[in-house]
């Protein structure tokens, strides 16, 4: 007698996968903060700033994935205190970067050197924040 085989994925699971895939595709084509950051930097500071910003976005994405892999995302989701600490540290970093950028405007050479680090850091912060 032939045994009846169950489908590998039930219709219910297939609907969820299809729904998830469609949602993911829609989110991929809508420009988010990372794309807006890169376009703004490229348009206002030029190609080099845009490329460094792209590198920063990728660096932040890798850091975000690594943090998730070691369980940091679960800790932050479970602890409001830990999440607040990360938010305040991130805000302090962005304030520091803004202050450094502003103070560096005196010397063009220092500004150019700092700008690469700043764009890299801001790109990483943008990606790490969950974009």
N, C-alpha and C. Protein backbone atom coordinates (compact mmCIF):
# COMPACT_ATOMS: atom_id res chain seq x y z
N UNK A 1 0.85 -1.18 0.00
CA UNK A 1 0.00 0.00 0.00
C UNK A 1 0.89 1.24 0.00
N UNK A 2 0.44 2.17 -0.71
CA UNK A 2 1.21 3.42 -0.83
C UNK A 2 0.93 4.31 0.37
N UNK A 3 1.99 4.81 0.93
CA UNK A 3 1.84 5.72 2.08
C UNK A 3 1.58 7.12 1.56
N UNK A 4 0.69 7.81 2.22
CA UNK A 4 0.45 9.20 1.81
C UNK A 4 1.56 10.08 2.40
N UNK A 5 2.04 10.94 1.60
CA UNK A 5 3.12 11.83 2.03
C UNK A 5 2.56 13.20 2.35
N UNK A 6 3.07 13.72 3.47
CA UNK A 6 2.68 15.08 3.83
C UNK A 6 3.56 16.05 3.06
N UNK A 7 2.99 17.18 2.66
CA UNK A 7 3.84 18.16 1.99
C UNK A 7 4.90 18.68 2.97
N UNK A 8 6.05 19.04 2.43
CA UNK A 8 7.13 19.53 3.27
C UNK A 8 6.68 20.78 4.02
N UNK A 9 6.05 21.70 3.34
CA UNK A 9 5.52 22.90 3.98
C UNK A 9 4.00 22.87 3.89
N UNK A 10 3.37 23.10 5.00
CA UNK A 10 1.91 23.13 4.97
C UNK A 10 1.47 24.41 4.27
N UNK A 11 0.23 24.45 3.89
CA UNK A 11 -0.31 25.65 3.22
C UNK A 11 -0.21 26.86 4.15
N UNK A 12 -0.38 26.63 5.44
CA UNK A 12 -0.32 27.72 6.42
C UNK A 12 1.08 28.34 6.47
N UNK A 13 2.10 27.49 6.52
CA UNK A 13 3.48 27.96 6.55
C UNK A 13 3.83 28.64 5.23
N UNK A 14 3.37 28.06 4.12
CA UNK A 14 3.64 28.64 2.81
C UNK A 14 3.06 30.05 2.70
N UNK A 15 1.88 30.26 3.26
CA UNK A 15 1.28 31.61 3.26
C UNK A 15 2.15 32.58 4.03
N UNK A 16 2.69 32.15 5.18
CA UNK A 16 3.54 33.02 5.98
C UNK A 16 4.84 33.35 5.25
N UNK A 17 5.42 32.36 4.60
CA UNK A 17 6.66 32.57 3.86
C UNK A 17 6.41 33.54 2.70
N UNK A 18 5.32 33.36 2.00
CA UNK A 18 4.98 34.24 0.89
C UNK A 18 4.73 35.66 1.39
N UNK A 19 4.01 35.78 2.48
CA UNK A 19 3.72 37.09 3.07
C UNK A 19 5.00 37.77 3.53
N UNK A 20 5.88 37.01 4.19
CA UNK A 20 7.16 37.55 4.65
C UNK A 20 8.01 38.00 3.48
N UNK A 21 8.07 37.18 2.44
CA UNK A 21 8.87 37.51 1.26
C UNK A 21 8.36 38.77 0.58
N UNK A 22 7.06 38.90 0.46
CA UNK A 22 6.48 40.10 -0.17
C UNK A 22 6.78 41.34 0.67
N UNK A 23 6.64 41.23 1.97
CA UNK A 23 6.94 42.36 2.86
C UNK A 23 8.41 42.74 2.78
N UNK A 24 9.28 41.76 2.75
CA UNK A 24 10.72 42.01 2.66
C UNK A 24 11.06 42.72 1.36
N UNK A 25 10.48 42.29 0.26
CA UNK A 25 10.73 42.91 -1.04
C UNK A 25 10.28 44.37 -1.04
N UNK A 26 9.13 44.64 -0.46
CA UNK A 26 8.63 46.02 -0.38
C UNK A 26 9.58 46.88 0.45
N UNK A 27 10.05 46.36 1.58
CA UNK A 27 10.97 47.11 2.43
C UNK A 27 12.31 47.35 1.74
N UNK A 28 12.74 46.42 0.90
CA UNK A 28 14.02 46.57 0.21
C UNK A 28 13.99 47.68 -0.83
N UNK A 29 12.86 47.91 -1.47
CA UNK A 29 12.80 48.93 -2.52
C UNK A 29 12.49 50.32 -1.98
N UNK A 30 12.10 50.43 -0.72
CA UNK A 30 11.83 51.73 -0.11
C UNK A 30 13.11 52.24 0.54
N UNK A 31 13.59 53.41 0.12
CA UNK A 31 14.82 53.91 0.73
C UNK A 31 14.62 54.23 2.21
N UNK A 32 15.52 53.75 3.02
CA UNK A 32 15.45 54.00 4.45
C UNK A 32 16.49 55.00 4.88
N UNK A 33 16.72 55.10 6.19
CA UNK A 33 17.70 56.07 6.70
C UNK A 33 19.11 55.87 6.14
N UNK A 34 19.51 54.63 5.92
CA UNK A 34 20.86 54.38 5.40
C UNK A 34 21.02 54.95 4.00
N UNK A 35 20.04 54.70 3.14
CA UNK A 35 20.11 55.21 1.77
C UNK A 35 20.05 56.74 1.78
N UNK A 36 19.19 57.30 2.59
CA UNK A 36 19.08 58.76 2.67
C UNK A 36 20.39 59.36 3.18
N UNK A 37 21.01 58.72 4.14
CA UNK A 37 22.29 59.19 4.68
C UNK A 37 23.36 59.19 3.59
N UNK A 38 23.46 58.10 2.86
CA UNK A 38 24.47 57.98 1.80
C UNK A 38 24.24 59.00 0.70
N UNK A 39 23.00 59.13 0.26
CA UNK A 39 22.67 60.08 -0.81
C UNK A 39 22.98 61.51 -0.36
N UNK A 40 22.61 61.85 0.88
CA UNK A 40 22.87 63.20 1.40
C UNK A 40 24.37 63.47 1.46
N UNK A 41 25.13 62.54 2.01
CA UNK A 41 26.59 62.73 2.11
C UNK A 41 27.21 62.84 0.72
N UNK A 42 26.79 62.01 -0.19
CA UNK A 42 27.34 62.04 -1.55
C UNK A 42 27.02 63.35 -2.25
N UNK A 43 25.79 63.81 -2.11
CA UNK A 43 25.37 65.05 -2.77
C UNK A 43 26.03 66.29 -2.17
N UNK A 44 26.22 66.30 -0.86
CA UNK A 44 26.76 67.50 -0.22
C UNK A 44 28.27 67.50 -0.06
N UNK A 45 28.89 66.33 0.15
CA UNK A 45 30.33 66.28 0.37
C UNK A 45 31.11 65.56 -0.72
N UNK A 46 30.43 64.96 -1.66
CA UNK A 46 31.13 64.35 -2.78
C UNK A 46 31.22 62.83 -2.71
N UNK A 47 31.87 62.31 -3.74
CA UNK A 47 31.96 60.86 -3.92
C UNK A 47 32.69 60.16 -2.78
N UNK A 48 33.82 60.73 -2.35
CA UNK A 48 34.60 60.10 -1.28
C UNK A 48 33.78 59.96 0.00
N UNK A 49 33.08 61.02 0.36
CA UNK A 49 32.24 60.97 1.57
C UNK A 49 31.14 59.93 1.42
N UNK A 50 30.57 59.82 0.22
CA UNK A 50 29.54 58.82 -0.02
C UNK A 50 30.07 57.40 0.11
N UNK A 51 31.26 57.15 -0.45
CA UNK A 51 31.85 55.81 -0.37
C UNK A 51 32.23 55.44 1.06
N UNK A 52 32.77 56.41 1.80
CA UNK A 52 33.10 56.13 3.20
C UNK A 52 31.82 55.89 4.00
N UNK A 53 30.76 56.62 3.67
CA UNK A 53 29.48 56.41 4.34
C UNK A 53 28.93 55.01 4.07
N UNK A 54 29.09 54.54 2.84
CA UNK A 54 28.67 53.17 2.50
C UNK A 54 29.45 52.16 3.36
N UNK A 55 30.76 52.38 3.48
CA UNK A 55 31.57 51.49 4.30
C UNK A 55 31.09 51.52 5.75
N UNK A 56 30.73 52.70 6.25
CA UNK A 56 30.21 52.81 7.61
C UNK A 56 28.89 52.08 7.79
N UNK A 57 28.03 52.18 6.80
CA UNK A 57 26.74 51.46 6.85
C UNK A 57 27.00 49.95 6.94
N UNK A 58 27.93 49.47 6.12
CA UNK A 58 28.24 48.04 6.14
C UNK A 58 28.89 47.62 7.46
N UNK A 59 29.76 48.46 7.99
CA UNK A 59 30.38 48.18 9.28
C UNK A 59 29.32 48.09 10.38
N UNK A 60 28.40 49.03 10.38
CA UNK A 60 27.32 49.01 11.37
C UNK A 60 26.41 47.79 11.22
N UNK A 61 26.15 47.41 9.98
CA UNK A 61 25.32 46.23 9.74
C UNK A 61 25.99 44.97 10.26
N UNK A 62 27.29 44.84 10.00
CA UNK A 62 28.03 43.69 10.51
C UNK A 62 28.02 43.68 12.04
N UNK A 63 28.23 44.85 12.66
CA UNK A 63 28.20 44.93 14.12
C UNK A 63 26.82 44.56 14.66
N UNK A 64 25.77 45.00 13.96
CA UNK A 64 24.40 44.69 14.38
C UNK A 64 24.14 43.17 14.31
N UNK A 65 24.58 42.56 13.23
CA UNK A 65 24.40 41.11 13.07
C UNK A 65 25.20 40.35 14.12
N UNK A 66 26.43 40.78 14.36
CA UNK A 66 27.27 40.11 15.36
C UNK A 66 26.64 40.24 16.76
N UNK A 67 26.12 41.42 17.07
CA UNK A 67 25.47 41.62 18.37
C UNK A 67 24.26 40.69 18.51
N UNK A 68 23.51 40.55 17.43
CA UNK A 68 22.36 39.64 17.46
C UNK A 68 22.81 38.20 17.64
N UNK A 69 23.91 37.85 16.99
CA UNK A 69 24.41 36.47 17.08
C UNK A 69 24.84 36.11 18.50
N UNK A 70 25.39 37.06 19.23
CA UNK A 70 25.84 36.75 20.59
C UNK A 70 24.73 36.97 21.63
N UNK A 71 23.55 37.36 21.16
CA UNK A 71 22.41 37.46 22.06
C UNK A 71 22.15 38.84 22.63
N UNK A 72 22.88 39.84 22.17
CA UNK A 72 22.67 41.20 22.69
C UNK A 72 21.26 41.71 22.39
N UNK A 73 20.73 41.37 21.22
CA UNK A 73 19.38 41.81 20.86
C UNK A 73 18.35 41.29 21.86
N UNK A 74 18.49 40.03 22.28
CA UNK A 74 17.56 39.45 23.24
C UNK A 74 17.67 40.15 24.59
N UNK A 75 18.90 40.46 25.00
CA UNK A 75 19.11 41.16 26.28
C UNK A 75 18.47 42.54 26.22
N UNK A 76 18.69 43.26 25.12
CA UNK A 76 18.12 44.61 24.99
C UNK A 76 16.59 44.56 24.93
N UNK A 77 16.05 43.54 24.30
CA UNK A 77 14.59 43.41 24.23
C UNK A 77 14.00 43.09 25.59
N UNK A 78 14.75 42.37 26.41
CA UNK A 78 14.24 41.95 27.72
C UNK A 78 14.49 42.99 28.81
N UNK A 79 15.45 43.86 28.62
CA UNK A 79 15.82 44.80 29.68
C UNK A 79 15.67 46.25 29.20
N UNK A 80 14.70 46.94 29.75
CA UNK A 80 14.51 48.35 29.41
C UNK A 80 15.71 49.18 29.84
N UNK A 81 16.32 48.81 30.95
CA UNK A 81 17.49 49.54 31.45
C UNK A 81 18.66 49.40 30.47
N UNK A 82 18.94 48.19 30.03
CA UNK A 82 20.04 47.96 29.09
C UNK A 82 19.78 48.70 27.78
N UNK A 83 18.53 48.68 27.32
CA UNK A 83 18.17 49.37 26.08
C UNK A 83 18.38 50.88 26.24
N UNK A 84 17.98 51.43 27.37
CA UNK A 84 18.17 52.86 27.62
C UNK A 84 19.65 53.22 27.65
N UNK A 85 20.46 52.38 28.26
CA UNK A 85 21.91 52.63 28.31
C UNK A 85 22.47 52.69 26.89
N UNK A 86 22.10 51.75 26.05
CA UNK A 86 22.59 51.72 24.67
C UNK A 86 22.13 52.98 23.93
N UNK A 87 20.88 53.38 24.13
CA UNK A 87 20.38 54.59 23.48
C UNK A 87 21.18 55.82 23.91
N UNK A 88 21.43 55.96 25.21
CA UNK A 88 22.15 57.13 25.70
C UNK A 88 23.61 57.12 25.26
N UNK A 89 24.22 55.96 25.23
CA UNK A 89 25.60 55.88 24.73
C UNK A 89 25.65 56.27 23.25
N UNK A 90 24.69 55.80 22.49
CA UNK A 90 24.62 56.17 21.07
C UNK A 90 24.39 57.66 20.88
N UNK A 91 23.51 58.24 21.67
CA UNK A 91 23.26 59.68 21.59
C UNK A 91 24.51 60.46 21.97
N UNK A 92 25.20 60.01 23.02
CA UNK A 92 26.43 60.68 23.44
C UNK A 92 27.49 60.61 22.34
N UNK A 93 27.58 59.48 21.66
CA UNK A 93 28.54 59.33 20.55
C UNK A 93 28.21 60.32 19.43
N UNK A 94 26.93 60.41 19.07
CA UNK A 94 26.55 61.32 17.99
C UNK A 94 26.80 62.78 18.38
N UNK A 95 26.57 63.13 19.63
CA UNK A 95 26.88 64.48 20.10
C UNK A 95 28.38 64.74 20.03
N UNK A 96 29.17 63.76 20.46
CA UNK A 96 30.63 63.88 20.40
C UNK A 96 31.10 64.08 18.96
N UNK A 97 30.56 63.27 18.04
CA UNK A 97 30.94 63.38 16.64
C UNK A 97 30.57 64.77 16.11
N UNK A 98 29.39 65.24 16.44
CA UNK A 98 28.96 66.57 16.01
C UNK A 98 29.89 67.66 16.55
N UNK A 99 30.27 67.55 17.80
CA UNK A 99 31.19 68.52 18.40
C UNK A 99 32.55 68.48 17.73
N UNK A 100 33.05 67.29 17.47
CA UNK A 100 34.35 67.15 16.80
C UNK A 100 34.30 67.72 15.38
N UNK A 101 33.22 67.48 14.68
CA UNK A 101 33.09 67.99 13.33
C UNK A 101 33.03 69.51 13.34
N UNK A 102 32.30 70.06 14.25
CA UNK A 102 32.17 71.53 14.35
C UNK A 102 33.51 72.17 14.71
N UNK A 103 34.21 71.58 15.68
CA UNK A 103 35.48 72.17 16.09
C UNK A 103 36.57 71.99 15.04
N UNK A 104 36.39 71.06 14.14
CA UNK A 104 37.43 70.81 13.13
C UNK A 104 37.32 71.75 11.94
N UNK A 105 36.32 72.60 11.91
CA UNK A 105 36.12 73.48 10.76
C UNK A 105 37.20 74.55 10.63
N UNK A 106 38.04 74.72 11.64
CA UNK A 106 39.10 75.73 11.57
C UNK A 106 40.15 75.41 10.53
N UNK A 107 40.52 74.17 10.44
CA UNK A 107 41.55 73.77 9.49
C UNK A 107 40.97 72.77 8.50
N UNK A 108 41.03 73.13 7.23
CA UNK A 108 40.44 72.28 6.20
C UNK A 108 41.06 70.89 6.17
N UNK A 109 42.35 70.81 6.38
CA UNK A 109 43.02 69.51 6.33
C UNK A 109 42.54 68.60 7.46
N UNK A 110 42.43 69.16 8.67
CA UNK A 110 41.90 68.37 9.78
C UNK A 110 40.47 67.96 9.52
N UNK A 111 39.70 68.85 8.93
CA UNK A 111 38.31 68.55 8.62
C UNK A 111 38.22 67.37 7.66
N UNK A 112 39.04 67.38 6.62
CA UNK A 112 39.01 66.29 5.64
C UNK A 112 39.39 64.96 6.29
N UNK A 113 40.41 64.98 7.14
CA UNK A 113 40.84 63.74 7.81
C UNK A 113 39.76 63.23 8.76
N UNK A 114 39.16 64.13 9.51
CA UNK A 114 38.13 63.74 10.47
C UNK A 114 36.84 63.33 9.77
N UNK A 115 36.57 63.95 8.62
CA UNK A 115 35.32 63.67 7.91
C UNK A 115 35.20 62.20 7.56
N UNK A 116 36.30 61.58 7.11
CA UNK A 116 36.24 60.16 6.77
C UNK A 116 35.85 59.32 7.96
N UNK A 117 36.45 59.59 9.12
CA UNK A 117 36.11 58.86 10.34
C UNK A 117 34.68 59.17 10.75
N UNK A 118 34.29 60.42 10.64
CA UNK A 118 32.94 60.83 11.03
C UNK A 118 31.90 60.15 10.15
N UNK A 119 32.10 60.15 8.83
CA UNK A 119 31.15 59.52 7.93
C UNK A 119 31.08 58.01 8.16
N UNK A 120 32.24 57.42 8.41
CA UNK A 120 32.27 55.99 8.71
C UNK A 120 31.50 55.71 9.99
N UNK A 121 31.75 56.49 11.03
CA UNK A 121 31.07 56.30 12.32
C UNK A 121 29.58 56.56 12.25
N UNK A 122 29.20 57.64 11.57
CA UNK A 122 27.77 57.93 11.45
C UNK A 122 27.06 56.89 10.61
N UNK A 123 27.73 56.41 9.56
CA UNK A 123 27.15 55.32 8.76
C UNK A 123 26.96 54.07 9.60
N UNK A 124 27.97 53.74 10.39
CA UNK A 124 27.87 52.56 11.25
C UNK A 124 26.77 52.73 12.28
N UNK A 125 26.67 53.93 12.87
CA UNK A 125 25.61 54.19 13.86
C UNK A 125 24.24 54.10 13.22
N UNK A 126 24.11 54.59 11.98
CA UNK A 126 22.84 54.51 11.28
C UNK A 126 22.42 53.06 11.04
N UNK A 127 23.35 52.25 10.59
CA UNK A 127 23.05 50.84 10.35
C UNK A 127 22.82 50.07 11.63
N UNK A 128 23.64 50.32 12.65
CA UNK A 128 23.52 49.58 13.89
C UNK A 128 22.22 49.89 14.61
N UNK A 129 21.66 51.07 14.35
CA UNK A 129 20.42 51.44 15.04
C UNK A 129 19.22 50.66 14.54
N UNK A 130 19.43 49.83 13.53
CA UNK A 130 18.35 48.92 13.14
C UNK A 130 17.77 49.19 11.77
N UNK A 131 18.47 49.86 10.92
CA UNK A 131 17.96 50.10 9.59
C UNK A 131 18.24 48.97 8.68
